């Protein structure tokens, strides 16, 4: 009986070639959703930079505003590149 934790994640080319249509549809939906989150995050970033004058409050709000777009982007990249998903997960929670 082999240990299932020793299985390496697939390479991108192999994974995308063997993906069925439902996998591709889910990846497209996730990418569109991630793009939507990043667009909203950039709009929030614009408003924080434009309207918040106090530097200490702006710094805290920038951290909050950029947290979701960064983690969403890293998760989307991790879905397309399964071998890097663990590293991107670590970056996302850091």
PDB file of N, CA and C in Angstrom:
ATOM      1  N   UNK A   1       0.857  -1.166   0.000  1.00  0.00           N
ATOM      2  CA  UNK A   1       0.000   0.000   0.000  1.00  0.00           C
ATOM      3  C   UNK A   1       0.904   1.230   0.000  1.00  0.00           C
ATOM      4  N   UNK A   2       0.723   2.106  -0.981  1.00  0.00           N
ATOM      5  CA  UNK A   2       1.574   3.291  -1.074  1.00  0.00           C
ATOM      6  C   UNK A   2       0.907   4.470  -0.378  1.00  0.00           C
ATOM      7  N   UNK A   3       1.750   5.384   0.023  1.00  0.00           N
ATOM      8  CA  UNK A   3       1.278   6.584   0.687  1.00  0.00           C
ATOM      9  C   UNK A   3       0.860   7.595  -0.376  1.00  0.00           C
ATOM     10  N   UNK A   4      -0.327   8.137  -0.278  1.00  0.00           N
ATOM     11  CA  UNK A   4      -0.824   9.060  -1.295  1.00  0.00           C
ATOM     12  C   UNK A   4      -0.183  10.440  -1.210  1.00  0.00           C
ATOM     13  N   UNK A   5       0.534  10.753  -0.141  1.00  0.00           N
ATOM     14  CA  UNK A   5       1.169  12.061  -0.020  1.00  0.00           C
ATOM     15  C   UNK A   5       2.438  12.151  -0.855  1.00  0.00           C
ATOM     16  N   UNK A   6       2.939  11.044  -1.361  1.00  0.00           N
ATOM     17  CA  UNK A   6       4.149  11.067  -2.174  1.00  0.00           C
ATOM     18  C   UNK A   6       3.861  11.344  -3.647  1.00  0.00           C
ATOM     19  N   UNK A   7       2.623  11.503  -4.016  1.00  0.00           N
ATOM     20  CA  UNK A   7       2.259  11.765  -5.403  1.00  0.00           C
ATOM     21  C   UNK A   7       2.544  13.227  -5.714  1.00  0.00           C
ATOM     22  N   UNK A   8       3.283  13.463  -6.797  1.00  0.00           N
ATOM     23  CA  UNK A   8       3.605  14.826  -7.187  1.00  0.00           C
ATOM     24  C   UNK A   8       2.441  15.440  -7.964  1.00  0.00           C
ATOM     25  N   UNK A   9       2.250  16.754  -7.844  1.00  0.00           N
ATOM     26  CA  UNK A   9       1.205  17.404  -8.639  1.00  0.00           C
ATOM     27  C   UNK A   9       1.555  17.320 -10.128  1.00  0.00           C
ATOM     28  N   UNK A  10       0.561  17.338 -10.980  1.00  0.00           N
ATOM     29  CA  UNK A  10       0.843  17.229 -12.418  1.00  0.00           C
ATOM     30  C   UNK A  10       1.467  18.501 -12.972  1.00  0.00           C
ATOM     31  N   UNK A  11       2.142  18.350 -14.116  1.00  0.00           N
ATOM     32  CA  UNK A  11       2.674  19.520 -14.801  1.00  0.00           C
ATOM     33  C   UNK A  11       1.527  20.221 -15.520  1.00  0.00           C
ATOM     34  N   UNK A  12       1.718  21.495 -15.817  1.00  0.00           N
ATOM     35  CA  UNK A  12       0.645  22.296 -16.401  1.00  0.00           C
ATOM     36  C   UNK A  12       0.196  21.735 -17.742  1.00  0.00           C
ATOM     37  N   UNK A  13       1.139  21.378 -18.595  1.00  0.00           N
ATOM     38  CA  UNK A  13       0.778  20.871 -19.912  1.00  0.00           C
ATOM     39  C   UNK A  13      -0.042  19.594 -19.805  1.00  0.00           C
ATOM     40  N   UNK A  14       0.400  18.668 -18.957  1.00  0.00           N
ATOM     41  CA  UNK A  14      -0.327  17.408 -18.779  1.00  0.00           C
ATOM     42  C   UNK A  14      -1.719  17.653 -18.199  1.00  0.00           C
ATOM     43  N   UNK A  15      -1.780  18.533 -17.234  1.00  0.00           N
ATOM     44  CA  UNK A  15      -3.045  18.792 -16.554  1.00  0.00           C
ATOM     45  C   UNK A  15      -4.060  19.436 -17.495  1.00  0.00           C
ATOM     46  N   UNK A  16      -3.632  20.444 -18.274  1.00  0.00           N
ATOM     47  CA  UNK A  16      -4.564  21.109 -19.179  1.00  0.00           C
ATOM     48  C   UNK A  16      -4.958  20.221 -20.357  1.00  0.00           C
ATOM     49  N   UNK A  17      -4.055  19.357 -20.811  1.00  0.00           N
ATOM     50  CA  UNK A  17      -4.394  18.455 -21.906  1.00  0.00           C
ATOM     51  C   UNK A  17      -5.395  17.388 -21.472  1.00  0.00           C
ATOM     52  N   UNK A  18      -5.321  16.978 -20.220  1.00  0.00           N
ATOM     53  CA  UNK A  18      -6.218  15.936 -19.728  1.00  0.00           C
ATOM     54  C   UNK A  18      -7.473  16.486 -19.051  1.00  0.00           C
ATOM     55  N   UNK A  19      -7.620  17.810 -19.024  1.00  0.00           N
ATOM     56  CA  UNK A  19      -8.789  18.415 -18.387  1.00  0.00           C
ATOM     57  C   UNK A  19     -10.019  18.217 -19.267  1.00  0.00           C
ATOM     58  N   UNK A  20     -11.125  17.914 -18.641  1.00  0.00           N
ATOM     59  CA  UNK A  20     -12.366  17.775 -19.412  1.00  0.00           C
ATOM     60  C   UNK A  20     -13.072  19.131 -19.492  1.00  0.00           C
ATOM     61  N   UNK A  21     -14.186  19.176 -20.160  1.00  0.00           N
ATOM     62  CA  UNK A  21     -14.858  20.459 -20.414  1.00  0.00           C
ATOM     63  C   UNK A  21     -15.362  21.124 -19.134  1.00  0.00           C
ATOM     64  N   UNK A  22     -15.785  20.340 -18.167  1.00  0.00           N
ATOM     65  CA  UNK A  22     -16.257  20.953 -16.916  1.00  0.00           C
ATOM     66  C   UNK A  22     -15.095  21.608 -16.155  1.00  0.00           C
ATOM     67  N   UNK A  23     -13.904  21.018 -16.216  1.00  0.00           N
ATOM     68  CA  UNK A  23     -12.736  21.646 -15.588  1.00  0.00           C
ATOM     69  C   UNK A  23     -12.421  22.989 -16.235  1.00  0.00           C
ATOM     70  N   UNK A  24     -12.494  23.035 -17.563  1.00  0.00           N
ATOM     71  CA  UNK A  24     -12.198  24.271 -18.282  1.00  0.00           C
ATOM     72  C   UNK A  24     -13.238  25.343 -17.962  1.00  0.00           C
ATOM     73  N   UNK A  25     -14.509  24.945 -17.883  1.00  0.00           N
ATOM     74  CA  UNK A  25     -15.569  25.902 -17.560  1.00  0.00           C
ATOM     75  C   UNK A  25     -15.364  26.454 -16.155  1.00  0.00           C
ATOM     76  N   UNK A  26     -15.024  25.610 -15.216  1.00  0.00           N
ATOM     77  CA  UNK A  26     -14.796  26.058 -13.842  1.00  0.00           C
ATOM     78  C   UNK A  26     -13.585  26.985 -13.776  1.00  0.00           C
ATOM     79  N   UNK A  27     -12.527  26.690 -14.523  1.00  0.00           N
ATOM     80  CA  UNK A  27     -11.357  27.575 -14.559  1.00  0.00           C
ATOM     81  C   UNK A  27     -11.711  28.938 -15.156  1.00  0.00           C
ATOM     82  N   UNK A  28     -12.534  28.944 -16.186  1.00  0.00           N
ATOM     83  CA  UNK A  28     -12.937  30.210 -16.791  1.00  0.00           C
ATOM     84  C   UNK A  28     -13.780  31.030 -15.816  1.00  0.00           C
ATOM     85  N   UNK A  29     -14.709  30.381 -15.135  1.00  0.00           N
ATOM     86  CA  UNK A  29     -15.533  31.085 -14.145  1.00  0.00           C
ATOM     87  C   UNK A  29     -14.665  31.636 -13.020  1.00  0.00           C
ATOM     88  N   UNK A  30     -13.706  30.850 -12.553  1.00  0.00           N
ATOM     89  CA  UNK A  30     -12.819  31.309 -11.484  1.00  0.00           C
ATOM     90  C   UNK A  30     -11.951  32.478 -11.944  1.00  0.00           C
ATOM     91  N   UNK A  31     -11.501  32.444 -13.191  1.00  0.00           N
ATOM     92  CA  UNK A  31     -10.671  33.529 -13.706  1.00  0.00           C
ATOM     93  C   UNK A  31     -11.478  34.813 -13.861  1.00  0.00           C
ATOM     94  N   UNK A  32     -12.691  34.703 -14.348  1.00  0.00           N
ATOM     95  CA  UNK A  32     -13.551  35.887 -14.478  1.00  0.00           C
ATOM     96  C   UNK A  32     -13.880  36.454 -13.098  1.00  0.00           C
ATOM     97  N   UNK A  33     -14.167  35.590 -12.156  1.00  0.00           N
ATOM     98  CA  UNK A  33     -14.453  36.050 -10.792  1.00  0.00           C
ATOM     99  C   UNK A  33     -13.245  36.725 -10.168  1.00  0.00           C
ATOM    100  N   UNK A  34     -12.079  36.156 -10.385  1.00  0.00           N
ATOM    101  CA  UNK A  34     -10.846  36.748  -9.865  1.00  0.00           C
ATOM    102  C   UNK A  34     -10.581  38.103 -10.512  1.00  0.00           C
ATOM    103  N   UNK A  35     -10.842  38.218 -11.793  1.00  0.00           N
ATOM    104  CA  UNK A  35     -10.676  39.507 -12.478  1.00  0.00           C
ATOM    105  C   UNK A  35     -11.632  40.545 -11.913  1.00  0.00           C
ATOM    106  N   UNK A  36     -12.845  40.116 -11.619  1.00  0.00           N
ATOM    107  CA  UNK A  36     -13.834  41.011 -11.022  1.00  0.00           C
ATOM    108  C   UNK A  36     -13.372  41.492  -9.643  1.00  0.00           C
ATOM    109  N   UNK A  37     -12.860  40.586  -8.833  1.00  0.00           N
ATOM    110  CA  UNK A  37     -12.367  40.950  -7.498  1.00  0.00           C
ATOM    111  C   UNK A  37     -11.192  41.916  -7.609  1.00  0.00           C
ATOM    112  N   UNK A  38     -10.282  41.665  -8.546  1.00  0.00           N
ATOM    113  CA  UNK A  38      -9.125  42.551  -8.722  1.00  0.00           C
ATOM    114  C   UNK A  38      -9.553  43.928  -9.224  1.00  0.00           C
ATOM    115  N   UNK A  39     -10.558  43.988 -10.075  1.00  0.00           N
ATOM    116  CA  UNK A  39     -11.065  45.275 -10.560  1.00  0.00           C
ATOM    117  C   UNK A  39     -11.680  46.084  -9.422  1.00  0.00           C
ATOM    118  N   UNK A  40     -12.460  45.430  -8.599  1.00  0.00           N
ATOM    119  CA  UNK A  40     -13.037  46.114  -7.443  1.00  0.00           C
ATOM    120  C   UNK A  40     -11.928  46.556  -6.481  1.00  0.00           C
ATOM    121  N   UNK A  41     -10.922  45.716  -6.297  1.00  0.00           N
ATOM    122  CA  UNK A  41      -9.804  46.073  -5.431  1.00  0.00           C
ATOM    123  C   UNK A  41      -9.041  47.286  -5.932  1.00  0.00           C
ATOM    124  N   UNK A  42      -8.855  47.389  -7.254  1.00  0.00           N
ATOM    125  CA  UNK A  42      -8.158  48.556  -7.801  1.00  0.00           C
ATOM    126  C   UNK A  42      -9.004  49.821  -7.659  1.00  0.00           C
ATOM    127  N   UNK A  43     -10.327  49.686  -7.789  1.00  0.00           N
ATOM    128  CA  UNK A  43     -11.210  50.846  -7.569  1.00  0.00           C
ATOM    129  C   UNK A  43     -11.144  51.291  -6.110  1.00  0.00           C
ATOM    130  N   UNK A  44     -11.151  50.344  -5.188  1.00  0.00           N
ATOM    131  CA  UNK A  44     -11.027  50.687  -3.769  1.00  0.00           C
ATOM    132  C   UNK A  44      -9.673  51.321  -3.475  1.00  0.00           C
ATOM    133  N   UNK A  45      -8.639  50.814  -4.107  1.00  0.00           N
ATOM    134  CA  UNK A  45      -7.301  51.379  -3.933  1.00  0.00           C
ATOM    135  C   UNK A  45      -7.266  52.831  -4.390  1.00  0.00           C
ATOM    136  N   UNK A  46      -7.891  53.118  -5.515  1.00  0.00           N
ATOM    137  CA  UNK A  46      -7.958  54.493  -6.023  1.00  0.00           C
ATOM    138  C   UNK A  46      -8.638  55.411  -5.010  1.00  0.00           C
ATOM    139  N   UNK A  47      -9.768  54.978  -4.459  1.00  0.00           N
ATOM    140  CA  UNK A  47     -10.494  55.817  -3.522  1.00  0.00           C
ATOM    141  C   UNK A  47      -9.737  56.007  -2.215  1.00  0.00           C
ATOM    142  N   UNK A  48      -9.044  54.991  -1.766  1.00  0.00           N
ATOM    143  CA  UNK A  48      -8.255  55.139  -0.535  1.00  0.00           C
ATOM    144  C   UNK A  48      -7.124  56.130  -0.754  1.00  0.00           C
ATOM    145  N   UNK A  49      -6.433  56.021  -1.877  1.00  0.00           N
ATOM    146  CA  UNK A  49      -5.316  56.933  -2.144  1.00  0.00           C
ATOM    147  C   UNK A  49      -5.819  58.364  -2.357  1.00  0.00           C
ATOM    148  N   UNK A  50      -6.962  58.514  -3.014  1.00  0.00           N
ATOM    149  CA  UNK A  50      -7.464  59.849  -3.321  1.00  0.00           C
ATOM    150  C   UNK A  50      -8.084  60.556  -2.121  1.00  0.00           C
ATOM    151  N   UNK A  51      -8.835  59.837  -1.308  1.00  0.00           N
ATOM    152  CA  UNK A  51      -9.638  60.506  -0.289  1.00  0.00           C
ATOM    153  C   UNK A  51      -9.121  60.379   1.138  1.00  0.00           C
ATOM    154  N   UNK A  52      -8.233  59.472   1.427  1.00  0.00           N
ATOM    155  CA  UNK A  52      -7.719  59.327   2.792  1.00  0.00           C
ATOM    156  C   UNK A  52      -6.411  60.100   2.894  1.00  0.00           C
ATOM    157  N   UNK A  53      -6.396  61.112   3.736  1.00  0.00           N
ATOM    158  CA  UNK A  53      -5.221  61.987   3.837  1.00  0.00           C
ATOM    159  C   UNK A  53      -4.247  61.558   4.938  1.00  0.00           C
ATOM    160  N   UNK A  54      -4.764  61.007   6.014  1.00  0.00           N
ATOM    161  CA  UNK A  54      -3.867  60.620   7.109  1.00  0.00           C
ATOM    162  C   UNK A  54      -3.092  59.370   6.722  1.00  0.00           C
ATOM    163  N   UNK A  55      -1.774  59.462   6.824  1.00  0.00           N
ATOM    164  CA  UNK A  55      -0.900  58.383   6.348  1.00  0.00           C
ATOM    165  C   UNK A  55      -1.070  57.088   7.134  1.00  0.00           C
ATOM    166  N   UNK A  56      -1.259  57.172   8.457  1.00  0.00           N
ATOM    167  CA  UNK A  56      -1.395  55.948   9.251  1.00  0.00           C
ATOM    168  C   UNK A  56      -2.686  55.205   8.913  1.00  0.00           C
ATOM    169  N   UNK A  57      -3.776  55.947   8.710  1.00  0.00           N
ATOM    170  CA  UNK A  57      -5.037  55.301   8.335  1.00  0.00           C
ATOM    171  C   UNK A  57      -4.950  54.759   6.920  1.00  0.00           C
ATOM    172  N   UNK A  58      -4.303  55.510   6.016  1.00  0.00           N
ATOM    173  CA  UNK A  58      -4.168  55.057   4.634  1.00  0.00           C
ATOM    174  C   UNK A  58      -3.366  53.763   4.559  1.00  0.00           C
ATOM    175  N   UNK A  59      -2.304  53.675   5.335  1.00  0.00           N
ATOM    176  CA  UNK A  59      -1.483  52.469   5.333  1.00  0.00           C
ATOM    177  C   UNK A  59      -2.281  51.246   5.793  1.00  0.00           C
ATOM    178  N   UNK A  60      -3.081  51.418   6.828  1.00  0.00           N
ATOM    179  CA  UNK A  60      -3.907  50.301   7.308  1.00  0.00           C
ATOM    180  C   UNK A  60      -4.984  49.919   6.300  1.00  0.00           C
ATOM    181  N   UNK A  61      -5.597  50.909   5.680  1.00  0.00           N
ATOM    182  CA  UNK A  61      -6.629  50.620   4.684  1.00  0.00           C
ATOM    183  C   UNK A  61      -6.042  49.976   3.432  1.00  0.00           C
ATOM    184  N   UNK A  62      -4.848  50.374   3.038  1.00  0.00           N
ATOM    185  CA  UNK A  62      -4.211  49.741   1.881  1.00  0.00           C
ATOM    186  C   UNK A  62      -3.986  48.263   2.136  1.00  0.00           C
ATOM    187  N   UNK A  63      -3.588  47.929   3.341  1.00  0.00           N
ATOM    188  CA  UNK A  63      -3.388  46.526   3.699  1.00  0.00           C
ATOM    189  C   UNK A  63      -4.703  45.750   3.571  1.00  0.00           C
ATOM    190  N   UNK A  64      -5.782  46.338   4.075  1.00  0.00           N
ATOM    191  CA  UNK A  64      -7.085  45.678   4.028  1.00  0.00           C
ATOM    192  C   UNK A  64      -7.604  45.584   2.596  1.00  0.00           C
ATOM    193  N   UNK A  65      -7.466  46.667   1.836  1.00  0.00           N
ATOM    194  CA  UNK A  65      -7.993  46.713   0.475  1.00  0.00           C
ATOM    195  C   UNK A  65      -7.251  45.738  -0.446  1.00  0.00           C
ATOM    196  N   UNK A  66      -5.949  45.610  -0.297  1.00  0.00           N
ATOM    197  CA  UNK A  66      -5.166  44.766  -1.203  1.00  0.00           C
ATOM    198  C   UNK A  66      -5.130  43.292  -0.801  1.00  0.00           C
ATOM    199  N   UNK A  67      -5.594  42.971   0.396  1.00  0.00           N
ATOM    200  CA  UNK A  67      -5.522  41.589   0.863  1.00  0.00           C
ATOM    201  C   UNK A  67      -6.328  40.631  -0.014  1.00  0.00           C
ATOM    202  N   UNK A  68      -7.560  40.939  -0.303  1.00  0.00           N
ATOM    203  CA  UNK A  68      -8.409  40.036  -1.085  1.00  0.00           C
ATOM    204  C   UNK A  68      -7.958  39.911  -2.548  1.00  0.00           C
ATOM    205  N   UNK A  69      -7.642  41.014  -3.255  1.00  0.00           N
ATOM    206  CA  UNK A  69      -7.175  40.832  -4.635  1.00  0.00           C
ATOM    207  C   UNK A  69      -5.880  40.022  -4.743  1.00  0.00           C
ATOM    208  N   UNK A  70      -4.980  40.189  -3.803  1.00  0.00           N
ATOM    209  CA  UNK A  70      -3.721  39.438  -3.858  1.00  0.00           C
ATOM    210  C   UNK A  70      -3.966  37.959  -3.603  1.00  0.00           C
ATOM    211  N   UNK A  71      -4.719  37.628  -2.576  1.00  0.00           N
ATOM    212  CA  UNK A  71      -4.972  36.215  -2.295  1.00  0.00           C
ATOM    213  C   UNK A  71      -5.797  35.564  -3.399  1.00  0.00           C
ATOM    214  N   UNK A  72      -6.734  36.314  -3.985  1.00  0.00           N
ATOM    215  CA  UNK A  72      -7.531  35.773  -5.082  1.00  0.00           C
ATOM    216  C   UNK A  72      -6.676  35.527  -6.313  1.00  0.00           C
ATOM    217  N   UNK A  73      -5.785  36.458  -6.620  1.00  0.00           N
ATOM    218  CA  UNK A  73      -4.888  36.288  -7.767  1.00  0.00           C
ATOM    219  C   UNK A  73      -3.958  35.096  -7.582  1.00  0.00           C
ATOM    220  N   UNK A  74      -3.425  34.955  -6.384  1.00  0.00           N
ATOM    221  CA  UNK A  74      -2.539  33.814  -6.118  1.00  0.00           C
ATOM    222  C   UNK A  74      -3.298  32.496  -6.187  1.00  0.00           C
ATOM    223  N   UNK A  75      -4.532  32.487  -5.728  1.00  0.00           N
ATOM    224  CA  UNK A  75      -5.334  31.260  -5.815  1.00  0.00           C
ATOM    225  C   UNK A  75      -5.639  30.904  -7.267  1.00  0.00           C
ATOM    226  N   UNK A  76      -5.913  31.910  -8.089  1.00  0.00           N
ATOM    227  CA  UNK A  76      -6.183  31.654  -9.503  1.00  0.00           C
ATOM    228  C   UNK A  76      -4.941  31.124 -10.201  1.00  0.00           C
ATOM    229  N   UNK A  77      -3.798  31.717  -9.929  1.00  0.00           N
ATOM    230  CA  UNK A  77      -2.548  31.212 -10.515  1.00  0.00           C
ATOM    231  C   UNK A  77      -2.292  29.786 -10.048  1.00  0.00           C
ATOM    232  N   UNK A  78      -2.589  29.508  -8.779  1.00  0.00           N
ATOM    233  CA  UNK A  78      -2.419  28.159  -8.250  1.00  0.00           C
ATOM    234  C   UNK A  78      -3.333  27.140  -8.907  1.00  0.00           C
ATOM    235  N   UNK A  79      -4.510  27.571  -9.382  1.00  0.00           N
ATOM    236  CA  UNK A  79      -5.393  26.642 -10.089  1.00  0.00           C
ATOM    237  C   UNK A  79      -4.838  26.284 -11.458  1.00  0.00           C
ATOM    238  N   UNK A  80      -4.182  27.233 -12.108  1.00  0.00           N
ATOM    239  CA  UNK A  80      -3.630  26.960 -13.431  1.00  0.00           C
ATOM    240  C   UNK A  80      -2.281  26.236 -13.361  1.00  0.00           C
ATOM    241  N   UNK A  81      -1.516  26.476 -12.315  1.00  0.00           N
ATOM    242  CA  UNK A  81      -0.207  25.847 -12.146  1.00  0.00           C
ATOM    243  C   UNK A  81      -0.210  25.023 -10.863  1.00  0.00           C
ATOM    244  N   UNK A  82      -0.682  23.781 -10.917  1.00  0.00           N
ATOM    245  CA  UNK A  82      -0.864  22.995  -9.696  1.00  0.00           C
ATOM    246  C   UNK A  82       0.431  22.727  -8.930  1.00  0.00           C
ATOM    247  N   UNK A  83       1.558  22.706  -9.616  1.00  0.00           N
ATOM    248  CA  UNK A  83       2.821  22.441  -8.918  1.00  0.00           C
ATOM    249  C   UNK A  83       3.232  23.601  -8.016  1.00  0.00           C
ATOM    250  N   UNK A  84       2.748  24.791  -8.309  1.00  0.00           N
ATOM    251  CA  UNK A  84       3.127  25.968  -7.516  1.00  0.00           C
ATOM    252  C   UNK A  84       2.067  26.348  -6.486  1.00  0.00           C
ATOM    253  N   UNK A  85       1.006  25.587  -6.386  1.00  0.00           N
ATOM    254  CA  UNK A  85      -0.108  25.992  -5.524  1.00  0.00           C
ATOM    255  C   UNK A  85       0.288  26.047  -4.045  1.00  0.00           C
ATOM    256  N   UNK A  86       1.130  25.149  -3.588  1.00  0.00           N
ATOM    257  CA  UNK A  86       1.546  25.192  -2.182  1.00  0.00           C
ATOM    258  C   UNK A  86       2.350  26.454  -1.890  1.00  0.00           C
ATOM    259  N   UNK A  87       3.274  26.795  -2.781  1.00  0.00           N
ATOM    260  CA  UNK A  87       4.070  28.005  -2.600  1.00  0.00           C
ATOM    261  C   UNK A  87       3.193  29.252  -2.640  1.00  0.00           C
ATOM    262  N   UNK A  88       2.245  29.299  -3.578  1.00  0.00           N
ATOM    263  CA  UNK A  88       1.362  30.451  -3.680  1.00  0.00           C
ATOM    264  C   UNK A  88       0.416  30.530  -2.483  1.00  0.00           C
ATOM    265  N   UNK A  89       0.024  29.394  -1.930  1.00  0.00           N
ATOM    266  CA  UNK A  89      -0.799  29.391  -0.719  1.00  0.00           C
ATOM    267  C   UNK A  89      -0.030  30.010   0.438  1.00  0.00           C
ATOM    268  N   UNK A  90       1.249  29.677   0.542  1.00  0.00           N
ATOM    269  CA  UNK A  90       2.070  30.248   1.608  1.00  0.00           C
ATOM    270  C   UNK A  90       2.186  31.768   1.433  1.00  0.00           C
ATOM    271  N   UNK A  91       2.381  32.224   0.191  1.00  0.00           N
ATOM    272  CA  UNK A  91       2.443  33.669  -0.067  1.00  0.00           C
ATOM    273  C   UNK A  91       1.113  34.341   0.242  1.00  0.00           C
ATOM    274  N   UNK A  92       0.023  33.676  -0.080  1.00  0.00           N
ATOM    275  CA  UNK A  92      -1.294  34.261   0.129  1.00  0.00           C
ATOM    276  C   UNK A  92      -1.642  34.464   1.586  1.00  0.00           C
ATOM    277  N   UNK A  93      -1.184  33.593   2.472  1.00  0.00           N
ATOM    278  CA  UNK A  93      -1.496  33.761   3.891  1.00  0.00           C
ATOM    279  C   UNK A  93      -0.404  34.524   4.638  1.00  0.00           C
ATOM    280  N   UNK A  94       0.679  34.829   3.948  1.00  0.00           N
ATOM    281  CA  UNK A  94       1.763  35.563   4.579  1.00  0.00           C
ATOM    282  C   UNK A  94       1.377  36.980   4.637  1.00  0.00           C
TER     283      UNK A  94
END
